Amino acid sequence: MKIRGHHILCMQGFQGKGYDKNFIANMSRLTREITLKPGAMLKVTDECDDICASCPYISNNACARTSVSSRETKCMDLKVFRKLGIKKGAAYKAAALFDLVNEKIKTVSEAEKICGKCEWQAECLWFADRKKKYYKNSKTAYTGER
């Protein structure tokens, strides 16, 4: 399976929401497959992957949602590669990648450096987990809102 760097994070926070029915069905299927087969090999990339394949905004193998979407998305992928110490084009076991993400990106500030202003932050369980841990260790109450 071919997976973009930032999708390693997204798959852990996915809860059945997305751009359209086809995207949601594909993301659900791929996430379920990896959950059932944690030893599955994932080839990491900074280009369109198996998740992007069903995105309604893909045009000419790039994100065309906005004029800067493709560049911003690639930037997130590269940040994930650097943070995890992984290489584009290399294949890794899914479980090992997910473990690595959760070892290397523990805080909300680390997640924000990668995720930036991702529109899915409010829906992402992986991102929310970092926020809960942050607020648990501070005196500010966690509301679940941005």
Protein backbone atom coordinates (compact mmCIF):
# COMPACT_ATOMS: atom_id res chain seq x y z
CA MET A 1 0.00 0.00 0.00
CA LYS A 2 1.27 3.47 -0.85
CA ILE A 3 0.69 6.10 1.88
CA ARG A 4 1.55 9.80 2.10
CA GLY A 5 3.56 10.82 5.14
CA HIS A 6 0.80 12.89 6.73
CA HIS A 7 -1.77 10.13 6.17
CA ILE A 8 0.08 8.03 8.75
CA LEU A 9 -1.26 10.55 11.28
CA CYS A 10 -4.69 10.93 9.64
CA MET A 11 -5.39 7.20 9.67
CA GLN A 12 -4.97 7.11 13.45
CA GLY A 13 -7.46 9.93 13.93
CA PHE A 14 -10.02 8.98 11.29
CA GLN A 15 -13.60 8.66 12.49
CA GLY A 16 -15.66 8.28 9.36
CA LYS A 17 -15.71 11.81 7.99
CA GLY A 18 -14.30 13.10 4.73
CA TYR A 19 -14.78 14.94 1.47
CA ASP A 20 -17.50 12.70 0.05
CA LYS A 21 -18.99 9.16 0.25
CA ASN A 22 -16.34 7.61 -1.98
CA PHE A 23 -13.48 9.13 -0.01
CA ILE A 24 -14.98 8.02 3.31
CA ALA A 25 -15.56 4.47 2.05
CA ASN A 26 -11.99 4.20 0.75
CA MET A 27 -10.42 5.69 3.89
CA SER A 28 -12.55 3.38 6.07
CA ARG A 29 -11.52 0.33 4.04
CA LEU A 30 -7.81 1.17 4.08
CA THR A 31 -7.81 2.01 7.78
CA ARG A 32 -9.63 -1.25 8.56
CA GLU A 33 -7.18 -3.26 6.41
CA ILE A 34 -4.20 -1.86 8.26
CA THR A 35 -5.84 -2.37 11.64
CA LEU A 36 -6.46 -6.03 10.79
CA LYS A 37 -2.97 -6.47 9.30
CA PRO A 38 -0.52 -4.39 11.36
CA GLY A 39 2.36 -6.17 9.62
CA ALA A 40 1.25 -4.83 6.23
CA MET A 41 3.98 -2.98 4.41
CA LEU A 42 3.38 0.70 3.67
CA LYS A 43 5.46 2.49 1.05
CA VAL A 44 5.67 6.12 2.14
CA THR A 45 5.43 8.93 -0.37
CA ASP A 46 4.88 12.67 -0.72
CA GLU A 47 2.67 12.19 -3.77
CA CYS A 48 -0.89 10.99 -4.27
CA ASP A 49 -1.41 7.66 -2.53
CA ASP A 50 -4.06 4.97 -2.08
CA ILE A 51 -6.11 7.32 0.12
CA CYS A 52 -5.90 10.20 -2.37
CA ALA A 53 -7.10 7.85 -5.11
CA SER A 54 -10.72 8.47 -4.10
CA CYS A 55 -10.42 12.18 -3.28
CA PRO A 56 -12.67 14.39 -5.43
CA TYR A 57 -9.99 17.13 -5.49
CA ILE A 58 -7.23 15.15 -7.19
CA SER A 59 -6.33 16.40 -10.66
CA ASN A 60 -3.23 15.37 -12.63
CA ASN A 61 -1.99 13.37 -9.63
CA ALA A 62 -2.02 16.44 -7.33
CA CYS A 63 -4.39 18.12 -4.90
CA ALA A 64 -6.30 20.87 -6.70
CA ARG A 65 -8.60 21.94 -3.87
CA THR A 66 -6.97 25.37 -3.64
CA SER A 67 -4.07 27.00 -5.45
CA VAL A 68 -1.68 26.03 -2.62
CA SER A 69 -3.14 22.68 -1.50
CA SER A 70 -0.62 20.49 -3.29
CA ARG A 71 2.36 22.43 -1.92
CA GLU A 72 0.97 22.54 1.65
CA THR A 73 0.19 18.82 1.60
CA LYS A 74 3.67 17.91 0.34
CA CYS A 75 5.15 20.12 3.07
CA MET A 76 3.21 18.16 5.74
CA ASP A 77 4.52 14.89 4.27
CA LEU A 78 8.12 16.11 4.36
CA LYS A 79 7.73 17.27 7.97
CA VAL A 80 6.53 13.78 8.90
CA PHE A 81 9.51 12.19 7.11
CA ARG A 82 11.96 14.45 8.96
CA LYS A 83 10.31 14.04 12.36
CA LEU A 84 10.13 10.24 12.08
CA GLY A 85 13.47 9.81 10.33
CA ILE A 86 11.89 7.85 7.46
CA LYS A 87 12.67 7.98 3.75
CA LYS A 88 10.38 8.67 0.83
CA GLY A 89 9.89 5.52 -1.23
CA ALA A 90 10.89 3.17 1.60
CA ALA A 91 8.50 0.50 2.90
CA TYR A 92 7.75 0.04 6.60
CA LYS A 93 5.42 -2.16 8.61
CA ALA A 94 2.22 -0.26 9.41
CA ALA A 95 2.41 -0.95 13.14
CA ALA A 96 6.02 0.24 13.26
CA LEU A 97 5.08 3.52 11.53
CA PHE A 98 2.15 4.14 13.86
CA ASP A 99 4.34 3.38 16.88
CA LEU A 100 7.01 5.73 15.57
CA VAL A 101 4.48 8.53 15.09
CA ASN A 102 3.26 8.17 18.64
CA GLU A 103 6.80 8.01 20.05
CA LYS A 104 8.07 11.04 18.13
CA ILE A 105 4.98 13.30 18.06
CA LYS A 106 3.65 13.39 21.60
CA THR A 107 2.65 16.99 22.20
CA VAL A 108 0.05 19.27 20.70
CA SER A 109 2.76 21.75 19.68
CA GLU A 110 4.66 19.01 17.81
CA ALA A 111 1.43 17.97 16.08
CA GLU A 112 0.59 21.58 15.17
CA LYS A 113 4.02 22.01 13.56
CA ILE A 114 3.09 19.23 11.14
CA CYS A 115 -0.67 19.59 10.81
CA GLY A 116 -0.66 23.38 10.60
CA LYS A 117 -4.19 24.61 9.94
CA CYS A 118 -5.54 21.28 8.69
CA GLU A 119 -9.29 21.54 8.28
CA TRP A 120 -9.74 18.11 9.92
CA GLN A 121 -8.12 18.95 13.29
CA ALA A 122 -11.49 19.33 15.02
CA GLU A 123 -12.51 15.88 13.76
CA CYS A 124 -9.18 14.11 14.26
CA LEU A 125 -9.00 11.76 17.24
CA TRP A 126 -5.20 11.55 16.99
CA PHE A 127 -4.85 15.34 17.25
CA ALA A 128 -7.49 15.50 20.00
CA ASP A 129 -5.49 12.96 22.02
CA ARG A 130 -2.48 15.31 22.01
CA LYS A 131 -4.70 18.20 23.11
CA LYS A 132 -6.14 16.16 25.98
CA LYS A 133 -2.65 15.25 27.17
CA TYR A 134 -1.63 18.91 26.96
CA TYR A 135 -4.61 20.14 28.95
CA LYS A 136 -4.28 17.29 31.44
CA ASN A 137 -0.82 18.63 32.29
CA SER A 138 -1.88 22.28 32.45
CA LYS A 139 -4.28 24.21 34.62
CA THR A 140 -6.56 25.05 31.67
CA ALA A 141 -9.67 22.94 31.20
CA TYR A 142 -9.96 20.93 27.99
CA THR A 143 -13.21 21.64 26.15
CA GLY A 144 -12.57 19.66 22.98
CA GLU A 145 -12.91 22.85 20.96
CA ARG A 146 -10.23 24.74 19.07
